[in-house]
Amino acid sequence: PPKLASPLRDGVAASALACPPGPWTRVLDFLAERLPLVARDDWTARMARGDVLDDTGTPLPPDAPYRAQRRLYYWRWLDDEPPVPFEARILHVDEHLLVADKPHFLPVTPKGRYVQQTLLTRLRRETGLADLSPVHRLDRETAGLTLFSVQPDTRDAYQRLFRDRDVEKVYEAIAPWRDDIGARLPFEYESRLEEHPVDFMQMRTINDMEATPNARTRIALIERLGADRARYELRPHSGVKHQ
């Protein structure tokens, strides 16, 4: 069945969870095993509050029997979420797109330790646009313009522009200055980036002279900032994660 069009709760959209065949007697047993980062008692309290729905939108009580081949819906929230004391600004919104200026240290989407303290949740809460979805991503530590799709029907068309690299990204960075590097500017920096084998969602640079580069960035000088720092322009020509 199609996914349930569930309402936002404090800016957070419901997460969907598929129910495979299995030995669970109750929905509570399944949730406690499948999502163990939430304690069983917390799942019990959430279900008692009506915070877990079946695929018809009906709240499931703690004693609800488990049925396979359906979806469950629940809302993520965290008891102890680190605050991000920086605000985003909406620069443009129309029937198709919303453009926001993301501050440093604010994640774009809920993940890990952050749910409320994310750009997507804050914008959904501010605008009431339940279908708001990011067209691309910026790292948590990066500030800059972030585009969001307003309606699902045109979302893929905008995301395809980024997948096909028809959108040019330009970054600025402040970093140390060295005369030997400055003499080469502007230049193309090439490296090999791969998923870290241990650290989840982390990338690492492969320091192997024979490794084929998969990340390429043009670096140019914007201005010197004293004797030992400078502001640089960065134009990535490849779309490797965390490049």
Protein backbone atom coordinates (compact mmCIF):
# COMPACT_ATOMS: atom_id res chain seq x y z
CA PRO A 1 0.00 0.00 0.00
CA PRO A 2 1.09 3.62 -0.50
CA LYS A 3 2.77 5.34 2.43
CA LEU A 4 0.50 7.02 4.93
CA ALA A 5 0.22 10.80 4.66
CA SER A 6 0.72 11.38 8.37
CA PRO A 7 0.73 14.88 9.89
CA LEU A 8 3.81 16.64 11.21
CA ARG A 9 4.37 16.61 14.94
CA ASP A 10 6.39 19.62 16.06
CA GLY A 11 7.93 19.77 12.61
CA VAL A 12 8.85 16.06 12.48
CA ALA A 13 7.39 13.75 9.84
CA ALA A 14 6.53 10.17 10.76
CA SER A 15 9.11 7.48 10.04
CA ALA A 16 7.90 4.32 8.28
CA LEU A 17 8.98 0.83 9.31
CA ALA A 18 8.22 -2.27 7.24
CA CYS A 19 7.01 -5.39 9.07
CA PRO A 20 8.59 -8.59 7.72
CA PRO A 21 7.44 -12.11 8.61
CA GLY A 22 8.82 -13.11 12.00
CA PRO A 23 8.21 -14.66 15.41
CA TRP A 24 6.91 -11.54 17.18
CA THR A 25 3.58 -11.85 18.99
CA ARG A 26 2.99 -8.15 19.59
CA VAL A 27 4.00 -4.96 17.79
CA LEU A 28 5.76 -3.93 21.01
CA ASP A 29 8.01 -7.01 20.81
CA PHE A 30 8.94 -6.19 17.21
CA LEU A 31 9.72 -2.52 17.94
CA ALA A 32 11.81 -3.33 21.00
CA GLU A 33 13.91 -5.81 19.01
CA ARG A 34 14.14 -3.94 15.71
CA LEU A 35 14.81 -0.48 17.22
CA PRO A 36 16.67 -1.26 20.47
CA LEU A 37 18.04 2.27 20.94
CA VAL A 38 14.57 3.10 22.25
CA ALA A 39 13.93 1.23 25.50
CA ARG A 40 11.00 -1.17 25.68
CA ASP A 41 9.35 0.94 28.40
CA ASP A 42 9.63 3.99 26.13
CA TRP A 43 7.92 2.12 23.29
CA THR A 44 5.17 1.13 25.71
CA ALA A 45 4.68 4.77 26.73
CA ARG A 46 4.70 5.94 23.11
CA MET A 47 2.09 3.40 22.10
CA ALA A 48 -0.06 4.35 25.09
CA ARG A 49 0.08 7.99 23.88
CA GLY A 50 -0.95 7.02 20.37
CA ASP A 51 2.48 7.71 18.85
CA VAL A 52 2.66 4.45 16.85
CA LEU A 53 0.23 4.03 13.93
CA ASP A 54 -0.62 1.21 11.54
CA ASP A 55 -0.83 1.71 7.78
CA THR A 56 -4.41 3.01 8.06
CA GLY A 57 -3.41 5.73 10.52
CA THR A 58 -4.94 3.95 13.53
CA PRO A 59 -2.97 4.27 16.81
CA LEU A 60 -1.75 0.90 18.10
CA PRO A 61 -1.98 0.16 21.84
CA PRO A 62 0.83 -1.65 23.69
CA ASP A 63 -0.98 -5.01 23.38
CA ALA A 64 -1.60 -4.73 19.62
CA PRO A 65 -0.90 -8.05 17.84
CA TYR A 66 1.90 -8.17 15.28
CA ARG A 67 0.96 -8.56 11.62
CA ALA A 68 3.51 -8.93 8.84
CA GLN A 69 3.44 -7.30 5.40
CA ARG A 70 2.39 -3.87 6.57
CA ARG A 71 4.01 -0.62 7.70
CA LEU A 72 4.20 1.02 11.09
CA TYR A 73 4.63 4.75 11.61
CA TYR A 74 6.23 6.54 14.54
CA TRP A 75 7.72 9.97 15.31
CA ARG A 76 11.36 10.31 16.34
CA TRP A 77 12.23 12.44 19.34
CA LEU A 78 15.18 12.61 21.70
CA ASP A 79 15.24 13.38 25.41
CA ASP A 80 18.67 15.03 25.42
CA GLU A 81 19.35 16.73 22.08
CA PRO A 82 22.36 19.08 21.82
CA PRO A 83 21.13 22.64 21.09
CA VAL A 84 22.37 24.46 18.00
CA PRO A 85 22.20 28.20 18.86
CA PHE A 86 22.27 29.45 15.25
CA GLU A 87 19.25 30.32 13.11
CA ALA A 88 18.57 29.64 9.44
CA ARG A 89 17.03 32.26 7.15
CA ILE A 90 14.46 31.59 4.43
CA LEU A 91 15.61 33.56 1.38
CA HIS A 92 13.04 32.41 -1.16
CA VAL A 93 9.92 30.25 -1.32
CA ASP A 94 7.46 29.54 -4.13
CA GLU A 95 5.21 26.66 -5.19
CA HIS A 96 8.20 24.49 -6.14
CA LEU A 97 11.28 25.51 -4.13
CA LEU A 98 12.38 26.88 -0.79
CA VAL A 99 15.90 28.31 -0.43
CA ALA A 100 17.37 28.62 3.07
CA ASP A 101 20.66 29.98 4.35
CA LYS A 102 21.93 27.19 6.62
CA PRO A 103 24.19 28.18 9.53
CA HIS A 104 27.26 26.28 10.62
CA PHE A 105 26.78 23.18 12.85
CA LEU A 106 23.09 22.67 11.99
CA PRO A 107 22.41 19.28 10.33
CA VAL A 108 20.18 19.36 7.27
CA THR A 109 18.09 16.28 8.14
CA PRO A 110 17.30 14.28 11.31
CA LYS A 111 20.00 11.72 12.01
CA GLY A 112 21.82 10.33 15.03
CA ARG A 113 21.74 12.81 17.92
CA TYR A 114 19.68 15.43 16.05
CA VAL A 115 15.95 15.57 15.28
CA GLN A 116 14.53 18.93 16.37
CA GLN A 117 17.90 20.65 15.95
CA THR A 118 17.96 20.18 12.17
CA LEU A 119 17.29 22.52 9.28
CA LEU A 120 14.49 20.37 7.82
CA THR A 121 12.56 20.12 11.10
CA ARG A 122 12.92 23.82 11.84
CA LEU A 123 11.71 24.78 8.36
CA ARG A 124 8.78 22.37 8.46
CA ARG A 125 7.79 23.76 11.84
CA GLU A 126 8.11 27.36 10.63
CA THR A 127 6.30 26.91 7.31
CA GLY A 128 3.94 24.00 7.98
CA LEU A 129 5.05 22.42 4.68
CA ALA A 130 4.85 18.70 5.45
CA ASP A 131 6.27 17.63 2.05
CA LEU A 132 9.38 19.79 2.34
CA SER A 133 12.43 17.73 1.37
CA PRO A 134 16.08 18.66 0.71
CA VAL A 135 17.18 18.57 -2.93
CA HIS A 136 20.85 18.24 -1.91
CA ARG A 137 22.93 18.10 1.28
CA LEU A 138 25.46 20.23 3.10
CA ASP A 139 27.64 18.84 5.89
CA ARG A 140 26.72 19.84 9.42
CA GLU A 141 29.85 22.00 9.76
CA THR A 142 29.20 23.80 6.44
CA ALA A 143 27.10 26.96 6.10
CA GLY A 144 25.44 27.97 2.84
CA LEU A 145 22.39 27.95 0.58
CA THR A 146 20.30 24.79 0.77
CA LEU A 147 17.47 24.01 -1.66
CA PHE A 148 14.29 22.20 -0.62
CA SER A 149 11.54 20.78 -2.78
CA VAL A 150 8.05 21.92 -1.75
CA GLN A 151 6.00 19.28 -3.58
CA PRO A 152 6.72 15.60 -4.30
CA ASP A 153 5.65 15.80 -7.97
CA THR A 154 8.61 17.97 -9.00
CA ARG A 155 11.16 16.81 -6.41
CA ASP A 156 12.98 14.31 -8.60
CA ALA A 157 13.44 16.86 -11.41
CA TYR A 158 15.40 19.13 -9.08
CA GLN A 159 17.34 16.29 -7.46
CA ARG A 160 18.28 15.05 -10.93
CA LEU A 161 19.98 18.38 -11.65
CA PHE A 162 22.38 17.67 -8.78
CA ARG A 163 22.81 13.98 -9.64
CA ASP A 164 23.69 14.89 -13.24
CA ARG A 165 25.98 17.72 -12.03
CA ASP A 166 24.06 20.36 -13.95
CA VAL A 167 24.25 22.61 -10.89
CA GLU A 168 27.59 24.25 -10.14
CA LYS A 169 28.52 24.41 -6.44
CA VAL A 170 30.84 27.15 -5.18
CA TYR A 171 32.24 27.16 -1.64
CA GLU A 172 34.47 29.54 0.28
CA ALA A 173 36.93 28.50 2.98
CA ILE A 174 39.41 30.20 5.27
CA ALA A 175 42.61 28.16 5.60
CA PRO A 176 46.36 28.62 6.20
CA TRP A 177 48.45 30.36 3.55
CA ARG A 178 51.73 28.98 2.24
CA ASP A 179 53.80 30.70 -0.40
CA ASP A 180 54.57 27.43 -2.19
CA ILE A 181 50.85 26.65 -2.52
CA GLY A 182 50.00 30.24 -3.43
CA ALA A 183 52.43 30.11 -6.34
CA ARG A 184 50.35 27.29 -7.89
CA LEU A 185 46.93 28.93 -7.57
CA PRO A 186 44.53 28.39 -9.16
CA PHE A 187 44.95 24.62 -9.47
CA GLU A 188 42.97 21.38 -9.56
CA TYR A 189 43.23 19.26 -6.41
CA GLU A 190 42.64 15.54 -6.96
CA SER A 191 42.25 12.83 -4.33
CA ARG A 192 40.74 9.42 -3.72
CA LEU A 193 37.87 9.32 -1.18
CA GLU A 194 36.31 6.10 0.10
CA GLU A 195 33.92 5.03 2.85
CA HIS A 196 35.66 4.54 6.19
CA PRO A 197 35.69 0.81 7.02
CA VAL A 198 34.80 1.39 10.70
CA ASP A 199 33.41 4.89 11.32
CA PHE A 200 29.80 5.10 10.11
CA MET A 201 29.05 7.84 7.54
CA GLN A 202 32.71 8.92 7.50
CA MET A 203 34.95 9.22 4.45
CA ARG A 204 38.73 8.87 4.31
CA THR A 205 41.43 9.96 1.89
CA ILE A 206 43.42 7.11 0.35
CA ASN A 207 47.09 8.08 0.42
CA ASP A 208 48.21 5.81 -2.38
CA MET A 209 50.00 7.24 -5.39
CA GLU A 210 48.50 4.52 -7.58
CA ALA A 211 44.91 5.07 -6.40
CA THR A 212 42.66 6.48 -9.13
CA PRO A 213 41.34 9.93 -8.08
CA ASN A 214 37.55 10.22 -7.77
CA ALA A 215 37.33 13.73 -6.26
CA ARG A 216 38.44 16.86 -8.07
CA THR A 217 38.19 20.46 -6.85
CA ARG A 218 39.38 23.71 -8.39
CA ILE A 219 40.97 25.97 -5.74
CA ALA A 220 41.52 29.68 -6.31
CA LEU A 221 42.56 32.58 -4.10
CA ILE A 222 39.98 35.20 -3.18
CA GLU A 223 42.05 37.30 -0.78
CA ARG A 224 44.94 37.14 1.67
CA LEU A 225 44.03 37.53 5.35
CA GLY A 226 47.25 38.65 6.93
CA ALA A 227 50.53 36.81 6.70
CA ASP A 228 49.40 33.26 7.42
CA ARG A 229 45.76 32.86 6.30
CA ALA A 230 43.69 33.32 3.17
CA ARG A 231 40.15 33.01 1.83
CA TYR A 232 39.81 30.50 -0.98
CA GLU A 233 37.18 29.68 -3.59
CA LEU A 234 36.44 25.95 -3.99
CA ARG A 235 34.59 24.52 -6.98
CA PRO A 236 34.09 20.73 -6.73
CA HIS A 237 33.80 19.05 -10.13
CA SER A 238 32.79 15.67 -8.71
CA GLY A 239 30.02 14.65 -6.35
CA VAL A 240 31.81 12.40 -3.85
CA LYS A 241 30.24 12.38 -0.38
CA HIS A 242 31.93 14.76 2.09
CA GLN A 243 34.28 16.00 -0.62
